[in-house]
Amino acid sequence: MSLLRSTGTIGALTLVSRVLGMVRDMLMARFVGAGFASDAFLIAWRLPNLFRALFAEGAFSAAFVPMFNRIMAREGQDDAEAGRRAAIAFAGQVLSVLFPILVILTILMMLAAGPVVWAMTGGFPDGGPDKFALARHLTIITFPYLALVSLTSLLGGILNSFNRFWVNAAAPTLLNICMIVAILFFRGDSPIETAETQAIAVTVSGMMQLLWLIWSCRRIGVVLRIGLPRLSPQVKAMLAVIGPAAIGQGAIQINLLISTSLAARFLPQGSVSWIYYADRLNQLPLGLIGIGVGTAILPLLSRQIGSGDAKAANDTQNRALELALFLALPAAIALFVSATPLIRGVFQHGAFTAVDTFGCAATLAAFAPGVPAYVLVKVLTPGFYARSDTRTPVRIAFIAMLVNLVGNLTLIWSLGPVGIALSTAISAWVNVILLYIALKRADHLTLDARFRGKVLRIVAAGVLMGVALYIGNDLLDAHMSGHFWQRIAALALLCGGGATVYGIATIGLGAYRLSELKGQLRRRR
């Protein structure tokens, strides 16, 4: 399957999930707002959400998928079915080791919820003991999601290896559906009670996602059974990779965890919520593009590198970088130029006030320059993991996290949430630059003439789109605070108009030709 087609499959289903996520966040903003209960829930949700990002979208793909594919290819040279059986047996060994570890870890984390929340928030100096107690209570409710999503990730890695990308990409929609149903039909009379129903919905969604992937695996004849834990050489090798891979792939999420903790400790009430809502829009391109491209190229790169075809691997990464920039750069420009009308149109109603809009929009504009970097990190790191190199991305991730921490501690005092967002964007670009330098020095990546020629044209098309959006802001911003369908129409006109200008400019400037896009969408024979 072509890179664009695979990315499109994952991206389309991720888009459905992210649209539902926007609906969920709009309902959260309306019924919970950006204050006491919202801050407490978002702290409780941050850790299990972090593990989802690290494992479901990062470490398991980086560590498990290449090894699963290598075993299947090696053992299946003469008999494809033998290779399949060997790979599934390896997955069963991983499950037998992983399951008890997750159960014990989840129990310990639930028992230690108080110290964990205090470490993240400093006890919420702005909200006092009641806010801390609520955050601790909600954390206990959400923590089982950690184990459930990790098991889901193992099964998702198997399905991705059999090119069933859509099944795993569809799973997160269950999270958003559960949370939407909870807030529409089971919310309480107060923001605190509504936050509690959301925490329960998180864990229920984890159960539903796991059942969905178990059923999907059974449909293709994959049944894993839990046996006595045994650290076989292959399992040891995977476990040695998975920890560093989580750090390397999750640098952005770890940075956000640090940023959220600092905001809870040192910034006024509501700041945690501003960062969260701004990051929800900021993360949309990462989910649609970065995770889609990164997931699609990892099995392909693993096979190309395993067969010694370095030229094909280099071409794959060039086309992935090209596609990522083509899709991510306009998203960054749109989020920067139109931050205020976007936040107003999506979130400003009910308990989410105009003051919240301006604070959240400024934070989003500071996040936006990092959007291409967040995506490129997901595209560059498979170049290391496909070669079983986890140390290099981890070292680079630590440097990026240090840059983020220094930036936070420097900028938070003068810029507040905006400083936190800006330091996150800067650290993401540091991560990208160092990843590229490492691949270049190892002779694993050379930017070809086609890529270099397209980048300037993509940038020019993005600038033209930015001018169109700037004009559109003045025309449509007044409609962003109207009734529901008025807001939807205004958002559709703003986003659709910007996308149309970008598409026309892209073709007009020769960044992409229609024939190229059509060719990418066709299956390779």
Protein backbone atom coordinates (compact mmCIF):
# COMPACT_ATOMS: atom_id res chain seq x y z
CA MET A 1 0.00 0.00 0.00
CA SER A 2 1.36 3.47 -0.87
CA LEU A 3 2.59 5.81 1.84
CA LEU A 4 -0.10 8.38 1.14
CA ARG A 5 -2.82 5.73 1.02
CA SER A 6 -1.70 4.17 4.33
CA THR A 7 -1.36 7.59 5.93
CA GLY A 8 -4.76 8.55 4.56
CA THR A 9 -6.40 5.47 6.06
CA ILE A 10 -4.93 6.16 9.48
CA GLY A 11 -5.42 9.91 9.16
CA ALA A 12 -9.07 9.65 8.12
CA LEU A 13 -9.97 7.50 11.12
CA THR A 14 -7.86 9.67 13.38
CA LEU A 15 -9.74 12.67 11.97
CA VAL A 16 -13.02 11.06 13.03
CA SER A 17 -11.58 10.51 16.50
CA ARG A 18 -10.22 14.06 16.71
CA VAL A 19 -13.52 15.58 15.54
CA LEU A 20 -15.28 13.60 18.26
CA GLY A 21 -12.55 14.79 20.62
CA MET A 22 -13.35 18.38 19.70
CA VAL A 23 -17.04 17.71 20.42
CA ARG A 24 -16.04 16.22 23.76
CA ASP A 25 -13.88 19.23 24.62
CA MET A 26 -16.60 21.66 23.56
CA LEU A 27 -18.97 19.92 25.95
CA MET A 28 -16.31 19.95 28.68
CA ALA A 29 -15.76 23.68 28.16
CA ARG A 30 -19.50 24.32 28.33
CA PHE A 31 -20.35 22.25 31.42
CA VAL A 32 -17.06 22.24 33.37
CA GLY A 33 -15.38 25.45 32.14
CA ALA A 34 -11.76 26.39 32.84
CA GLY A 35 -11.45 26.50 36.62
CA PHE A 36 -11.52 24.40 39.81
CA ALA A 37 -13.08 21.15 38.53
CA SER A 38 -11.53 21.38 35.06
CA ASP A 39 -7.99 21.83 36.39
CA ALA A 40 -8.44 18.87 38.79
CA PHE A 41 -9.79 16.55 36.06
CA LEU A 42 -7.07 17.50 33.59
CA ILE A 43 -4.35 16.69 36.11
CA ALA A 44 -6.01 13.31 36.77
CA TRP A 45 -6.30 12.72 33.01
CA ARG A 46 -2.76 13.82 32.16
CA LEU A 47 -0.90 10.69 33.35
CA PRO A 48 -3.09 8.01 31.71
CA ASN A 49 -3.24 10.20 28.62
CA LEU A 50 0.55 10.43 28.70
CA PHE A 51 0.81 6.63 28.74
CA ARG A 52 -1.63 6.43 25.83
CA ALA A 53 0.58 8.76 23.82
CA LEU A 54 3.80 6.99 24.86
CA PHE A 55 2.62 3.42 24.28
CA ALA A 56 -0.33 3.48 21.88
CA GLU A 57 1.29 6.04 19.58
CA GLY A 58 4.96 5.50 20.35
CA ALA A 59 6.90 2.89 22.24
CA PHE A 60 4.99 -0.25 21.29
CA SER A 61 5.09 0.68 17.63
CA ALA A 62 8.78 1.53 17.84
CA ALA A 63 9.85 -1.55 19.83
CA PHE A 64 7.34 -4.29 19.09
CA VAL A 65 6.43 -3.80 15.42
CA PRO A 66 9.98 -4.04 13.94
CA MET A 67 10.78 -7.13 16.02
CA PHE A 68 7.44 -8.78 15.19
CA ASN A 69 8.04 -8.15 11.47
CA ARG A 70 11.64 -9.36 11.59
CA ILE A 71 10.60 -12.63 13.25
CA MET A 72 7.79 -13.12 10.75
CA ALA A 73 10.15 -12.44 7.81
CA ARG A 74 13.03 -14.56 9.14
CA GLU A 75 10.96 -17.58 10.13
CA GLY A 76 8.76 -17.30 7.07
CA GLN A 77 11.41 -17.32 4.34
CA ASP A 78 10.43 -20.82 3.26
CA ASP A 79 6.96 -21.03 4.81
CA ALA A 80 4.92 -17.84 5.32
CA GLU A 81 2.55 -19.56 7.73
CA ALA A 82 5.49 -20.68 9.90
CA GLY A 83 6.66 -17.07 10.09
CA ARG A 84 3.19 -15.95 11.11
CA ARG A 85 3.02 -18.59 13.87
CA ALA A 86 6.47 -17.65 15.19
CA ALA A 87 5.57 -13.96 15.33
CA ILE A 88 2.28 -14.66 17.12
CA ALA A 89 4.08 -16.92 19.60
CA PHE A 90 6.48 -14.04 20.32
CA ALA A 91 3.49 -11.72 20.90
CA GLY A 92 2.08 -14.24 23.38
CA GLN A 93 5.38 -14.26 25.30
CA VAL A 94 5.29 -10.45 25.44
CA LEU A 95 1.70 -10.50 26.74
CA SER A 96 2.57 -13.03 29.46
CA VAL A 97 5.33 -10.75 30.76
CA LEU A 98 3.49 -7.48 30.23
CA PHE A 99 0.17 -8.39 31.90
CA PRO A 100 1.39 -8.95 35.50
CA ILE A 101 3.69 -5.91 35.27
CA LEU A 102 0.75 -3.70 34.26
CA VAL A 103 -1.53 -5.07 36.98
CA ILE A 104 1.06 -4.47 39.71
CA LEU A 105 1.99 -1.03 38.36
CA THR A 106 -1.65 0.08 38.18
CA ILE A 107 -2.38 -1.03 41.76
CA LEU A 108 0.73 0.73 43.07
CA MET A 109 -0.07 3.93 41.20
CA MET A 110 -3.66 3.95 42.50
CA LEU A 111 -2.41 3.48 46.08
CA ALA A 112 0.11 6.27 45.56
CA ALA A 113 -2.34 8.65 43.86
CA GLY A 114 -1.97 11.26 46.60
CA PRO A 115 1.83 11.59 46.39
CA VAL A 116 1.67 11.44 42.58
CA VAL A 117 -0.82 14.31 42.37
CA TRP A 118 1.13 16.32 44.93
CA ALA A 119 4.35 15.80 42.91
CA MET A 120 2.56 17.09 39.82
CA THR A 121 0.81 20.06 41.41
CA GLY A 122 2.53 20.97 44.66
CA GLY A 123 -0.87 20.50 46.31
CA PHE A 124 -2.55 23.11 44.07
CA PRO A 125 -1.47 26.27 45.94
CA ASP A 126 -4.19 28.23 44.12
CA GLY A 127 -7.08 25.87 44.96
CA GLY A 128 -6.23 24.49 48.39
CA PRO A 129 -6.92 21.04 49.89
CA ASP A 130 -10.35 20.63 48.26
CA LYS A 131 -8.92 20.91 44.76
CA PHE A 132 -6.08 18.54 45.65
CA ALA A 133 -8.55 16.00 47.12
CA LEU A 134 -10.69 16.14 43.98
CA ALA A 135 -7.67 15.63 41.71
CA ARG A 136 -6.54 12.65 43.82
CA HIS A 137 -10.03 11.08 43.70
CA LEU A 138 -10.28 11.48 39.93
CA THR A 139 -6.76 10.09 39.47
CA ILE A 140 -7.68 6.86 41.25
CA ILE A 141 -10.66 6.46 38.92
CA THR A 142 -8.68 7.05 35.70
CA PHE A 143 -5.53 5.04 36.44
CA PRO A 144 -6.82 1.61 35.28
CA TYR A 145 -6.91 3.11 31.78
CA LEU A 146 -3.11 2.92 31.87
CA ALA A 147 -3.07 -0.90 31.89
CA LEU A 148 -5.97 -1.25 29.48
CA VAL A 149 -4.48 1.04 26.84
CA SER A 150 -1.08 -0.66 27.09
CA LEU A 151 -2.63 -4.08 26.35
CA THR A 152 -4.60 -2.48 23.54
CA SER A 153 -1.34 -1.16 22.10
CA LEU A 154 0.17 -4.65 21.94
CA LEU A 155 -2.77 -5.93 19.91
CA GLY A 156 -2.71 -2.79 17.78
CA GLY A 157 0.93 -3.42 16.92
CA ILE A 158 0.02 -6.91 15.66
CA LEU A 159 -2.80 -5.55 13.52
CA ASN A 160 -0.55 -2.83 12.07
CA SER A 161 1.98 -5.52 11.16
CA PHE A 162 -0.73 -7.28 9.14
CA ASN A 163 -1.59 -3.95 7.47
CA ARG A 164 -4.87 -3.65 9.40
CA PHE A 165 -4.07 -0.02 10.19
CA TRP A 166 -7.71 1.06 10.26
CA VAL A 167 -8.67 -1.17 13.18
CA ASN A 168 -6.13 0.31 15.58
CA ALA A 169 -6.71 3.84 14.27
CA ALA A 170 -10.44 3.48 14.96
CA ALA A 171 -10.00 2.44 18.61
CA PRO A 172 -9.56 5.97 20.09
CA THR A 173 -13.02 6.92 18.81
CA LEU A 174 -14.41 4.72 21.59
CA LEU A 175 -12.74 6.96 24.20
CA ASN A 176 -14.40 10.05 22.80
CA ILE A 177 -17.78 8.35 22.35
CA CYS A 178 -17.75 7.18 25.99
CA MET A 179 -16.86 10.64 27.29
CA ILE A 180 -19.47 12.35 25.09
CA VAL A 181 -22.19 9.93 26.22
CA ALA A 182 -21.16 10.43 29.86
CA ILE A 183 -21.33 14.22 29.69
CA LEU A 184 -24.60 14.29 27.72
CA PHE A 185 -26.56 11.69 29.69
CA PHE A 186 -24.82 11.12 33.04
CA ARG A 187 -23.35 14.49 34.03
CA GLY A 188 -24.14 15.85 37.49
CA ASP A 189 -25.64 19.16 38.51
CA SER A 190 -22.24 20.71 39.20
CA PRO A 191 -18.89 20.90 37.36
CA ILE A 192 -17.37 18.63 40.05
CA GLU A 193 -19.92 15.86 39.49
CA THR A 194 -19.54 16.20 35.72
CA ALA A 195 -15.75 15.87 36.04
CA GLU A 196 -16.28 12.63 37.99
CA THR A 197 -18.46 11.14 35.24
CA GLN A 198 -15.72 11.99 32.73
CA ALA A 199 -13.12 10.16 34.82
CA ILE A 200 -15.33 7.05 34.96
CA ALA A 201 -15.87 7.26 31.20
CA VAL A 202 -12.11 7.21 30.62
CA THR A 203 -11.70 3.81 32.28
CA VAL A 204 -14.85 2.38 30.67
CA SER A 205 -13.49 3.41 27.26
CA GLY A 206 -10.25 1.53 27.99
CA MET A 207 -12.24 -1.66 28.51
CA MET A 208 -14.15 -1.10 25.27
CA GLN A 209 -10.98 -0.45 23.25
CA LEU A 210 -9.37 -3.64 24.55
CA LEU A 211 -12.44 -5.73 23.70
CA TRP A 212 -12.58 -4.18 20.21
CA LEU A 213 -8.98 -5.14 19.44
CA ILE A 214 -9.33 -8.64 20.93
CA TRP A 215 -12.31 -9.24 18.64
CA SER A 216 -10.45 -7.76 15.63
CA CYS A 217 -7.42 -9.99 16.24
CA ARG A 218 -9.63 -13.06 16.48
CA ARG A 219 -11.14 -12.20 13.09
CA ILE A 220 -7.71 -12.59 11.43
CA GLY A 221 -6.89 -15.74 13.39
CA VAL A 222 -4.68 -14.16 16.08
CA VAL A 223 -5.41 -15.47 19.58
CA LEU A 224 -2.96 -14.68 22.37
CA ARG A 225 -2.94 -16.70 25.57
CA ILE A 226 -1.39 -15.64 28.86
CA GLY A 227 1.08 -18.18 30.22
CA LEU A 228 3.76 -18.12 32.88
CA PRO A 229 5.99 -15.06 32.40
CA ARG A 230 9.24 -16.04 30.71
CA LEU A 231 11.98 -13.62 29.73
CA SER A 232 13.05 -15.20 26.47
CA PRO A 233 15.93 -13.57 24.59
CA GLN A 234 13.47 -11.96 22.19
CA VAL A 235 11.32 -10.55 25.01
CA LYS A 236 14.41 -9.22 26.77
CA ALA A 237 15.51 -7.53 23.57
CA MET A 238 12.09 -5.89 23.17
CA LEU A 239 11.92 -4.72 26.80
CA ALA A 240 15.38 -3.22 26.42
CA VAL A 241 14.04 -1.17 23.52
CA ILE A 242 10.63 -0.19 24.84
CA GLY A 243 11.73 2.05 27.72
CA PRO A 244 14.09 4.21 25.67
CA ALA A 245 11.57 4.22 22.82
CA ALA A 246 8.89 5.61 25.13
CA ILE A 247 11.18 8.47 26.13
CA GLY A 248 12.32 9.12 22.59
CA GLN A 249 8.84 9.03 21.04
CA GLY A 250 7.17 10.78 23.96
CA ALA A 251 9.44 13.77 24.46
CA ILE A 252 6.62 16.14 23.47
CA GLN A 253 4.16 14.51 25.88
CA ILE A 254 6.70 14.45 28.71
CA ASN A 255 7.37 18.13 28.05
CA LEU A 256 3.65 18.81 28.35
CA LEU A 257 3.51 16.88 31.63
CA ILE A 258 6.31 19.06 32.99
CA SER A 259 4.61 22.19 31.67
CA THR A 260 1.25 21.22 33.21
CA SER A 261 2.91 20.58 36.58
CA LEU A 262 4.58 23.99 36.54
CA ALA A 263 1.32 25.69 35.56
CA ALA A 264 -0.52 23.96 38.43
CA ARG A 265 2.15 25.08 40.90
CA PHE A 266 2.92 28.64 39.83
CA LEU A 267 0.16 30.05 37.61
CA PRO A 268 -3.38 31.27 38.46
CA GLN A 269 -6.41 28.99 38.42
CA GLY A 270 -7.52 28.21 34.88
CA SER A 271 -4.01 28.16 33.40
CA VAL A 272 -3.90 24.35 33.33
CA SER A 273 -7.17 24.39 31.37
CA TRP A 274 -5.92 27.06 28.92
CA ILE A 275 -2.85 24.95 28.17
CA TYR A 276 -4.98 21.82 27.75
CA TYR A 277 -7.55 23.34 25.39
CA ALA A 278 -4.86 25.08 23.32
CA ASP A 279 -2.89 21.85 23.13
CA ARG A 280 -5.97 19.96 21.94
CA LEU A 281 -6.05 22.06 18.77
CA ASN A 282 -2.26 22.05 18.60
CA GLN A 283 -2.14 18.24 18.74
CA LEU A 284 -4.70 17.80 15.96
CA PRO A 285 -2.09 17.90 13.13
CA LEU A 286 0.15 15.52 15.08
CA GLY A 287 -2.64 12.96 15.34
CA LEU A 288 -3.74 13.30 11.72
CA ILE A 289 -0.33 13.57 10.08
CA GLY A 290 2.63 12.67 12.31
CA ILE A 291 1.20 9.52 13.84
CA GLY A 292 -0.30 8.46 10.50
CA VAL A 293 2.93 8.87 8.53
CA GLY A 294 5.11 7.46 11.32
CA THR A 295 2.89 4.41 11.76
CA ALA A 296 2.73 3.78 8.02
CA ILE A 297 6.47 3.97 7.31
CA LEU A 298 7.79 1.91 10.26
CA PRO A 299 6.91 -1.58 8.90
CA LEU A 300 8.02 -0.50 5.41
CA LEU A 301 11.34 0.90 6.64
CA SER A 302 11.94 -2.23 8.74
CA ARG A 303 11.52 -4.45 5.67
CA GLN A 304 13.66 -2.22 3.42
CA ILE A 305 16.49 -1.95 5.94
CA GLY A 306 16.26 -5.65 6.78
CA SER A 307 16.70 -6.52 3.10
CA GLY A 308 19.66 -4.12 2.76
CA ASP A 309 17.90 -1.72 0.38
CA ALA A 310 19.32 1.55 1.74
CA LYS A 311 18.32 3.54 -1.34
CA ALA A 312 14.65 2.58 -0.99
CA ALA A 313 14.74 3.39 2.75
CA ASN A 314 16.18 6.85 2.03
CA ASP A 315 13.49 7.47 -0.59
CA THR A 316 10.76 6.37 1.84
CA GLN A 317 11.92 8.84 4.48
CA ASN A 318 12.27 11.68 1.95
CA ARG A 319 8.72 11.13 0.72
CA ALA A 320 7.48 10.90 4.32
CA LEU A 321 9.19 14.18 5.25
CA GLU A 322 7.82 15.80 2.11
CA LEU A 323 4.28 14.63 2.86
CA ALA A 324 4.55 15.65 6.53
CA LEU A 325 5.63 19.21 5.70
CA PHE A 326 3.03 19.50 2.94
CA LEU A 327 0.30 18.76 5.51
CA ALA A 328 1.77 20.19 8.74
CA LEU A 329 3.03 23.60 7.63
CA PRO A 330 -0.39 25.00 6.64
CA ALA A 331 -1.81 23.67 9.91
CA ALA A 332 0.84 25.58 11.86
CA ILE A 333 0.17 28.79 9.95
CA ALA A 334 -3.59 28.45 10.43
CA LEU A 335 -3.30 27.86 14.19
CA PHE A 336 -0.99 30.88 14.53
CA VAL A 337 -2.90 33.34 12.34
CA SER A 338 -6.44 32.34 13.36
CA ALA A 339 -5.91 31.30 17.00
CA THR A 340 -8.50 33.67 18.48
CA PRO A 341 -11.44 32.93 16.13
CA LEU A 342 -10.71 29.19 16.32
CA ILE A 343 -10.75 29.14 20.14
CA ARG A 344 -13.79 31.40 20.27
CA GLY A 345 -15.71 29.29 17.76
CA VAL A 346 -14.85 25.93 19.32
CA PHE A 347 -14.88 26.62 23.07
CA GLN A 348 -16.42 29.99 24.04
CA HIS A 349 -19.85 29.15 25.38
CA GLY A 350 -21.34 28.19 28.73
CA ALA A 351 -18.72 28.19 31.49
CA PHE A 352 -15.87 29.06 29.05
CA THR A 353 -15.69 32.88 29.00
CA ALA A 354 -14.24 35.53 26.68
CA VAL A 355 -11.35 35.95 29.13
CA ASP A 356 -10.61 32.24 28.76
CA THR A 357 -10.68 32.67 24.96
CA PHE A 358 -7.99 35.34 24.92
CA GLY A 359 -5.74 33.45 27.35
CA CYS A 360 -6.19 30.17 25.49
CA ALA A 361 -5.71 31.75 22.04
CA ALA A 362 -2.43 33.40 23.04
CA THR A 363 -1.23 30.01 24.30
CA LEU A 364 -2.27 28.32 21.05
CA ALA A 365 -0.43 30.91 18.94
CA ALA A 366 2.73 30.15 20.93
CA PHE A 367 2.29 26.40 20.45
CA ALA A 368 1.70 26.74 16.69
CA PRO A 369 5.29 27.30 15.42
CA GLY A 370 6.18 23.89 16.84
CA VAL A 371 3.51 21.99 14.88
CA PRO A 372 5.79 20.96 11.97
CA ALA A 373 8.42 19.90 14.50
CA TYR A 374 5.99 17.70 16.46
CA VAL A 375 5.09 15.94 13.20
CA LEU A 376 8.68 15.62 11.94
CA VAL A 377 9.77 13.97 15.19
CA LYS A 378 7.26 11.18 14.48
CA VAL A 379 8.60 10.85 10.91
CA LEU A 380 12.32 10.89 11.77
CA THR A 381 12.37 8.52 14.77
CA PRO A 382 11.29 5.42 12.75
CA GLY A 383 14.61 5.82 10.91
CA PHE A 384 16.33 4.88 14.18
CA TYR A 385 13.88 2.28 15.49
CA ALA A 386 13.81 0.37 12.20
CA ARG A 387 17.57 -0.08 12.76
CA SER A 388 17.05 -1.10 16.43
CA ASP A 389 18.77 2.11 17.56
CA THR A 390 16.93 3.49 20.59
CA ARG A 391 19.84 5.14 22.35
CA THR A 392 20.27 8.03 19.93
CA PRO A 393 16.64 9.26 20.02
CA VAL A 394 16.64 8.96 23.82
CA ARG A 395 19.77 11.08 24.20
CA ILE A 396 18.28 13.66 21.88
CA ALA A 397 14.94 13.56 23.71
CA PHE A 398 16.70 14.25 27.02
CA ILE A 399 18.41 17.27 25.50
CA ALA A 400 15.06 18.52 24.17
CA MET A 401 13.43 18.02 27.56
CA LEU A 402 16.23 19.95 29.23
CA VAL A 403 15.73 22.79 26.74
CA ASN A 404 12.01 22.73 27.52
CA LEU A 405 12.58 22.80 31.28
CA VAL A 406 15.01 25.71 31.05
CA GLY A 407 12.62 27.53 28.72
CA ASN A 408 9.69 26.97 31.07
CA LEU A 409 11.56 28.19 34.13
CA THR A 410 12.79 31.21 32.18
CA LEU A 411 9.60 32.26 30.37
CA ILE A 412 6.83 31.27 32.80
CA TRP A 413 7.37 34.28 35.05
CA SER A 414 6.98 36.90 32.33
CA LEU A 415 4.68 35.16 29.82
CA GLY A 416 2.69 32.66 31.93
CA PRO A 417 1.01 29.90 29.87
CA VAL A 418 2.32 31.53 26.68
CA GLY A 419 5.89 31.03 27.90
CA ILE A 420 5.21 27.36 28.60
CA ALA A 421 3.79 26.84 25.09
CA LEU A 422 6.66 28.72 23.43
CA SER A 423 9.32 26.69 25.24
CA THR A 424 7.54 23.47 24.18
CA ALA A 425 7.69 24.59 20.53
CA ILE A 426 11.38 25.54 20.78
CA SER A 427 12.31 22.21 22.37
CA ALA A 428 10.45 20.31 19.62
CA TRP A 429 12.55 22.04 16.94
CA VAL A 430 15.73 21.24 18.88
CA ASN A 431 14.61 17.60 18.85
CA VAL A 432 14.04 17.63 15.07
CA ILE A 433 17.35 19.31 14.24
CA LEU A 434 19.36 16.89 16.37
CA LEU A 435 17.51 13.83 14.98
CA TYR A 436 18.22 14.94 11.42
CA ILE A 437 21.91 15.63 12.16
CA ALA A 438 22.27 12.16 13.72
CA LEU A 439 20.66 10.43 10.72
CA LYS A 440 22.73 12.51 8.30
CA ARG A 441 26.02 11.76 10.06
CA ALA A 442 25.26 8.03 10.09
CA ASP A 443 24.54 8.24 6.34
CA HIS A 444 21.00 7.01 6.96
CA LEU A 445 19.24 10.05 5.47
CA THR A 446 20.11 12.39 2.62
CA LEU A 447 17.59 15.00 1.54
CA ASP A 448 17.15 14.52 -2.18
CA ALA A 449 16.65 17.15 -4.91
CA ARG A 450 12.91 16.53 -5.11
CA PHE A 451 12.45 17.25 -1.39
CA ARG A 452 14.56 20.42 -1.47
CA GLY A 453 12.67 21.71 -4.50
CA LYS A 454 9.26 21.16 -2.96
CA VAL A 455 9.93 22.74 0.44
CA LEU A 456 10.23 26.32 -0.87
CA ARG A 457 7.04 25.95 -2.89
CA ILE A 458 5.18 24.53 0.11
CA VAL A 459 6.32 27.48 2.26
CA ALA A 460 5.21 29.98 -0.40
CA ALA A 461 1.77 28.33 -0.65
CA GLY A 462 1.47 28.42 3.15
CA VAL A 463 2.24 32.16 3.24
CA LEU A 464 -0.50 32.87 0.69
CA MET A 465 -2.92 30.85 2.78
CA GLY A 466 -1.91 32.80 5.90
CA VAL A 467 -2.74 36.11 4.18
CA ALA A 468 -6.17 34.76 3.19
CA LEU A 469 -6.85 33.59 6.77
CA TYR A 470 -5.82 36.98 8.19
CA ILE A 471 -8.43 38.63 5.99
CA GLY A 472 -11.00 35.98 6.86
CA ASN A 473 -10.48 36.52 10.60
CA ASP A 474 -11.93 40.04 10.44
CA LEU A 475 -14.88 38.90 8.37
CA LEU A 476 -15.85 35.87 10.45
CA ASP A 477 -14.71 36.45 14.06
CA ALA A 478 -17.98 38.17 15.02
CA HIS A 479 -19.90 35.01 14.05
CA MET A 480 -17.73 32.71 16.19
CA SER A 481 -19.67 33.54 19.37
CA GLY A 482 -23.15 33.08 17.85
CA HIS A 483 -25.45 30.10 18.13
CA PHE A 484 -24.15 26.58 17.46
CA TRP A 485 -24.83 26.34 13.73
CA GLN A 486 -23.61 29.89 13.16
CA ARG A 487 -20.30 28.98 14.78
CA ILE A 488 -20.06 25.78 12.76
CA ALA A 489 -20.70 27.65 9.51
CA ALA A 490 -18.12 30.34 10.37
CA LEU A 491 -15.49 27.73 11.30
CA ALA A 492 -16.20 25.79 8.11
CA LEU A 493 -15.87 28.92 5.97
CA LEU A 494 -12.61 29.96 7.66
CA CYS A 495 -10.96 26.53 7.55
CA GLY A 496 -12.41 25.55 4.18
CA GLY A 497 -11.44 28.87 2.62
CA GLY A 498 -7.88 28.58 3.92
CA ALA A 499 -7.59 24.99 2.68
CA THR A 500 -8.90 25.99 -0.75
CA VAL A 501 -6.39 28.81 -1.09
CA TYR A 502 -3.58 26.49 0.00
CA GLY A 503 -4.64 23.76 -2.43
CA ILE A 504 -4.81 26.17 -5.37
CA ALA A 505 -1.49 27.78 -4.41
CA THR A 506 0.16 24.38 -4.00
CA ILE A 507 -0.82 23.27 -7.49
CA GLY A 508 -0.17 26.69 -9.02
CA LEU A 509 3.33 26.91 -7.55
CA GLY A 510 4.14 23.30 -8.48
CA ALA A 511 4.60 22.02 -4.90
CA TYR A 512 2.42 19.06 -5.81
CA ARG A 513 0.79 18.08 -9.07
CA LEU A 514 -2.56 16.33 -9.21
CA SER A 515 -0.93 13.44 -11.03
CA GLU A 516 1.50 12.95 -8.12
CA LEU A 517 -1.29 12.82 -5.56
CA LYS A 518 -3.32 10.41 -7.70
CA GLY A 519 -0.26 8.20 -8.17
CA GLN A 520 0.38 8.10 -4.42
CA LEU A 521 -3.19 7.06 -3.76
CA ARG A 522 -3.00 4.05 -6.08
CA ARG A 523 -1.84 0.72 -4.65
CA ARG A 524 1.69 -0.24 -5.65
CA ARG A 525 1.77 -3.54 -7.41
